């Protein structure tokens, strides 16, 4: 998620922290939210280079929650429609796939999932 310079300046001015400290705190907050979300919704761990995993986890969390909001909360999908999509989401465990989609709109997630290749699907059973 890109942070506007105005938001960063306002937040920096409020607490006096430097840019690096503020960004580190913001990333830690986002990482915690992504970890709690993944546990709550039984999302499998992502696979890939260690340095990409945290970023990919945050990207997955942001895209999937944006999709839920756009498709279910504000859209015409019901929980049954979402449950089918959520099962597909669980099969995509390649960290790089989620990083590649980080700028996508939530409404694009179903189409993006349809276009995913077998190389993006993990080896573990997503239906535990």
C-alpha atoms as a PDB file:
ATOM      1  CA  UNK A   1       0.000   0.000   0.000  1.00  0.00           C
ATOM      2  CA  UNK A   2       1.452   3.339  -1.039  1.00  0.00           C
ATOM      3  CA  UNK A   3       1.258   6.099   1.543  1.00  0.00           C
ATOM      4  CA  UNK A   4       0.762   9.645   0.325  1.00  0.00           C
ATOM      5  CA  UNK A   5       3.351  12.201   1.341  1.00  0.00           C
ATOM      6  CA  UNK A   6       0.651  14.327   2.975  1.00  0.00           C
ATOM      7  CA  UNK A   7      -0.426  11.402   5.172  1.00  0.00           C
ATOM      8  CA  UNK A   8       3.158  10.614   6.095  1.00  0.00           C
ATOM      9  CA  UNK A   9       3.916  14.250   6.950  1.00  0.00           C
ATOM     10  CA  UNK A  10       0.777  14.552   9.074  1.00  0.00           C
ATOM     11  CA  UNK A  11       1.546  11.355  10.963  1.00  0.00           C
ATOM     12  CA  UNK A  12       5.221  12.275  11.336  1.00  0.00           C
ATOM     13  CA  UNK A  13       4.360  15.692  12.689  1.00  0.00           C
ATOM     14  CA  UNK A  14       1.941  14.195  15.231  1.00  0.00           C
ATOM     15  CA  UNK A  15       4.381  11.853  16.913  1.00  0.00           C
ATOM     16  CA  UNK A  16       7.761  13.302  15.943  1.00  0.00           C
ATOM     17  CA  UNK A  17       9.069  10.001  14.592  1.00  0.00           C
ATOM     18  CA  UNK A  18      11.326   9.951  11.557  1.00  0.00           C
ATOM     19  CA  UNK A  19      10.225   8.490   8.258  1.00  0.00           C
ATOM     20  CA  UNK A  20      11.982   5.155   8.791  1.00  0.00           C
ATOM     21  CA  UNK A  21      10.581   4.696  12.277  1.00  0.00           C
ATOM     22  CA  UNK A  22       7.089   5.651  11.155  1.00  0.00           C
ATOM     23  CA  UNK A  23       7.214   3.278   8.165  1.00  0.00           C
ATOM     24  CA  UNK A  24       8.561   0.446  10.324  1.00  0.00           C
ATOM     25  CA  UNK A  25       5.742   0.931  12.829  1.00  0.00           C
ATOM     26  CA  UNK A  26       3.149   1.102  10.043  1.00  0.00           C
ATOM     27  CA  UNK A  27       4.495  -2.085   8.405  1.00  0.00           C
ATOM     28  CA  UNK A  28       4.516  -3.897  11.753  1.00  0.00           C
ATOM     29  CA  UNK A  29       0.891  -2.878  12.318  1.00  0.00           C
ATOM     30  CA  UNK A  30      -0.084  -4.071   8.825  1.00  0.00           C
ATOM     31  CA  UNK A  31       1.845  -7.328   9.313  1.00  0.00           C
ATOM     32  CA  UNK A  32       0.056  -8.007  12.589  1.00  0.00           C
ATOM     33  CA  UNK A  33      -3.331  -7.394  10.960  1.00  0.00           C
ATOM     34  CA  UNK A  34      -2.408  -9.711   8.059  1.00  0.00           C
ATOM     35  CA  UNK A  35      -1.265 -12.472  10.427  1.00  0.00           C
ATOM     36  CA  UNK A  36      -4.434 -12.253  12.529  1.00  0.00           C
ATOM     37  CA  UNK A  37      -6.583 -12.274   9.386  1.00  0.00           C
ATOM     38  CA  UNK A  38      -4.736 -15.291   7.943  1.00  0.00           C
ATOM     39  CA  UNK A  39      -5.242 -17.220  11.176  1.00  0.00           C
ATOM     40  CA  UNK A  40      -8.903 -16.224  11.510  1.00  0.00           C
ATOM     41  CA  UNK A  41      -9.725 -17.311   7.951  1.00  0.00           C
ATOM     42  CA  UNK A  42      -7.414 -20.339   7.905  1.00  0.00           C
ATOM     43  CA  UNK A  43      -5.240 -19.050   5.077  1.00  0.00           C
ATOM     44  CA  UNK A  44      -2.230 -21.243   4.342  1.00  0.00           C
ATOM     45  CA  UNK A  45       1.288 -19.882   4.690  1.00  0.00           C
ATOM     46  CA  UNK A  46       2.777 -18.444   1.533  1.00  0.00           C
ATOM     47  CA  UNK A  47       5.755 -19.983  -0.233  1.00  0.00           C
ATOM     48  CA  UNK A  48       8.696 -18.068  -1.626  1.00  0.00           C
ATOM     49  CA  UNK A  49      11.853 -16.200  -0.689  1.00  0.00           C
ATOM     50  CA  UNK A  50      11.966 -15.259   2.987  1.00  0.00           C
ATOM     51  CA  UNK A  51      12.427 -11.561   2.222  1.00  0.00           C
ATOM     52  CA  UNK A  52       9.217 -11.515   0.117  1.00  0.00           C
ATOM     53  CA  UNK A  53       6.899 -13.385   2.483  1.00  0.00           C
ATOM     54  CA  UNK A  54       5.902 -10.551   4.811  1.00  0.00           C
ATOM     55  CA  UNK A  55       5.204  -8.181   1.926  1.00  0.00           C
ATOM     56  CA  UNK A  56       3.219 -10.865   0.098  1.00  0.00           C
ATOM     57  CA  UNK A  57       1.193 -11.641   3.230  1.00  0.00           C
ATOM     58  CA  UNK A  58       0.278  -7.965   3.566  1.00  0.00           C
ATOM     59  CA  UNK A  59      -0.546  -7.790  -0.157  1.00  0.00           C
ATOM     60  CA  UNK A  60      -2.795 -10.863   0.055  1.00  0.00           C
ATOM     61  CA  UNK A  61      -4.582  -9.483   3.090  1.00  0.00           C
ATOM     62  CA  UNK A  62      -5.161  -6.084   1.493  1.00  0.00           C
ATOM     63  CA  UNK A  63      -6.386  -7.473  -1.839  1.00  0.00           C
ATOM     64  CA  UNK A  64      -8.682 -10.107  -0.355  1.00  0.00           C
ATOM     65  CA  UNK A  65     -10.253  -7.749   2.173  1.00  0.00           C
ATOM     66  CA  UNK A  66     -10.731  -5.141  -0.581  1.00  0.00           C
ATOM     67  CA  UNK A  67     -12.384  -7.823  -2.732  1.00  0.00           C
ATOM     68  CA  UNK A  68     -14.719  -8.861   0.087  1.00  0.00           C
ATOM     69  CA  UNK A  69     -15.717  -5.262   0.667  1.00  0.00           C
ATOM     70  CA  UNK A  70     -16.326  -4.576  -3.029  1.00  0.00           C
ATOM     71  CA  UNK A  71     -18.027  -7.854  -3.920  1.00  0.00           C
ATOM     72  CA  UNK A  72     -19.983  -8.764  -0.775  1.00  0.00           C
ATOM     73  CA  UNK A  73     -20.342  -5.751   1.494  1.00  0.00           C
ATOM     74  CA  UNK A  74     -20.939  -3.208  -1.276  1.00  0.00           C
ATOM     75  CA  UNK A  75     -21.714  -5.602  -4.130  1.00  0.00           C
ATOM     76  CA  UNK A  76     -24.246  -8.270  -4.984  1.00  0.00           C
ATOM     77  CA  UNK A  77     -22.361 -11.395  -3.888  1.00  0.00           C
ATOM     78  CA  UNK A  78     -23.679 -13.489  -1.032  1.00  0.00           C
ATOM     79  CA  UNK A  79     -21.630 -15.472   1.474  1.00  0.00           C
ATOM     80  CA  UNK A  80     -21.976 -18.643  -0.629  1.00  0.00           C
ATOM     81  CA  UNK A  81     -20.415 -16.939  -3.641  1.00  0.00           C
ATOM     82  CA  UNK A  82     -17.624 -15.652  -1.444  1.00  0.00           C
ATOM     83  CA  UNK A  83     -16.981 -19.073   0.126  1.00  0.00           C
ATOM     84  CA  UNK A  84     -16.274 -20.529  -3.329  1.00  0.00           C
ATOM     85  CA  UNK A  85     -13.849 -17.702  -4.101  1.00  0.00           C
ATOM     86  CA  UNK A  86     -12.215 -18.029  -0.685  1.00  0.00           C
ATOM     87  CA  UNK A  87     -11.501 -21.713  -1.369  1.00  0.00           C
ATOM     88  CA  UNK A  88      -9.684 -20.681  -4.548  1.00  0.00           C
ATOM     89  CA  UNK A  89      -7.766 -17.989  -2.674  1.00  0.00           C
ATOM     90  CA  UNK A  90      -6.429 -20.637  -0.298  1.00  0.00           C
ATOM     91  CA  UNK A  91      -4.897 -22.594  -3.185  1.00  0.00           C
ATOM     92  CA  UNK A  92      -2.647 -19.713  -4.275  1.00  0.00           C
ATOM     93  CA  UNK A  93       0.358 -19.822  -2.020  1.00  0.00           C
ATOM     94  CA  UNK A  94       3.133 -18.470  -4.250  1.00  0.00           C
ATOM     95  CA  UNK A  95       4.232 -15.205  -2.619  1.00  0.00           C
ATOM     96  CA  UNK A  96       5.244 -13.756  -5.975  1.00  0.00           C
ATOM     97  CA  UNK A  97       1.703 -14.102  -7.317  1.00  0.00           C
ATOM     98  CA  UNK A  98       0.312 -11.968  -4.506  1.00  0.00           C
ATOM     99  CA  UNK A  99       3.078  -9.397  -4.992  1.00  0.00           C
ATOM    100  CA  UNK A 100       2.307  -9.237  -8.711  1.00  0.00           C
ATOM    101  CA  UNK A 101      -1.337  -8.432  -7.867  1.00  0.00           C
ATOM    102  CA  UNK A 102      -0.635  -5.868  -5.134  1.00  0.00           C
ATOM    103  CA  UNK A 103      -1.945  -2.906  -7.171  1.00  0.00           C
ATOM    104  CA  UNK A 104      -5.082  -4.703  -8.386  1.00  0.00           C
ATOM    105  CA  UNK A 105      -8.583  -3.618  -7.511  1.00  0.00           C
ATOM    106  CA  UNK A 106     -10.618  -5.885  -5.249  1.00  0.00           C
ATOM    107  CA  UNK A 107     -13.247  -6.341  -7.944  1.00  0.00           C
ATOM    108  CA  UNK A 108     -10.571  -7.856 -10.213  1.00  0.00           C
ATOM    109  CA  UNK A 109      -9.709 -10.702  -7.842  1.00  0.00           C
ATOM    110  CA  UNK A 110     -12.071 -13.335  -9.336  1.00  0.00           C
ATOM    111  CA  UNK A 111     -10.644 -12.756 -12.817  1.00  0.00           C
ATOM    112  CA  UNK A 112      -7.071 -12.762 -11.510  1.00  0.00           C
ATOM    113  CA  UNK A 113      -7.675 -16.047  -9.710  1.00  0.00           C
ATOM    114  CA  UNK A 114      -9.094 -17.563 -12.899  1.00  0.00           C
ATOM    115  CA  UNK A 115      -5.930 -16.534 -14.755  1.00  0.00           C
ATOM    116  CA  UNK A 116      -3.552 -18.020 -12.164  1.00  0.00           C
ATOM    117  CA  UNK A 117      -1.401 -20.875 -13.375  1.00  0.00           C
ATOM    118  CA  UNK A 118      -0.596 -24.227 -11.801  1.00  0.00           C
ATOM    119  CA  UNK A 119       2.773 -22.760 -10.771  1.00  0.00           C
ATOM    120  CA  UNK A 120       0.967 -20.373  -8.432  1.00  0.00           C
ATOM    121  CA  UNK A 121      -0.871 -23.143  -6.592  1.00  0.00           C
ATOM    122  CA  UNK A 122       0.723 -24.601  -3.482  1.00  0.00           C
ATOM    123  CA  UNK A 123       1.446 -28.234  -2.812  1.00  0.00           C
ATOM    124  CA  UNK A 124      -0.443 -28.486   0.463  1.00  0.00           C
ATOM    125  CA  UNK A 125      -4.107 -29.439   0.687  1.00  0.00           C
ATOM    126  CA  UNK A 126      -5.960 -26.099   1.147  1.00  0.00           C
ATOM    127  CA  UNK A 127      -9.072 -27.932   2.389  1.00  0.00           C
ATOM    128  CA  UNK A 128      -7.771 -29.066   5.767  1.00  0.00           C
END
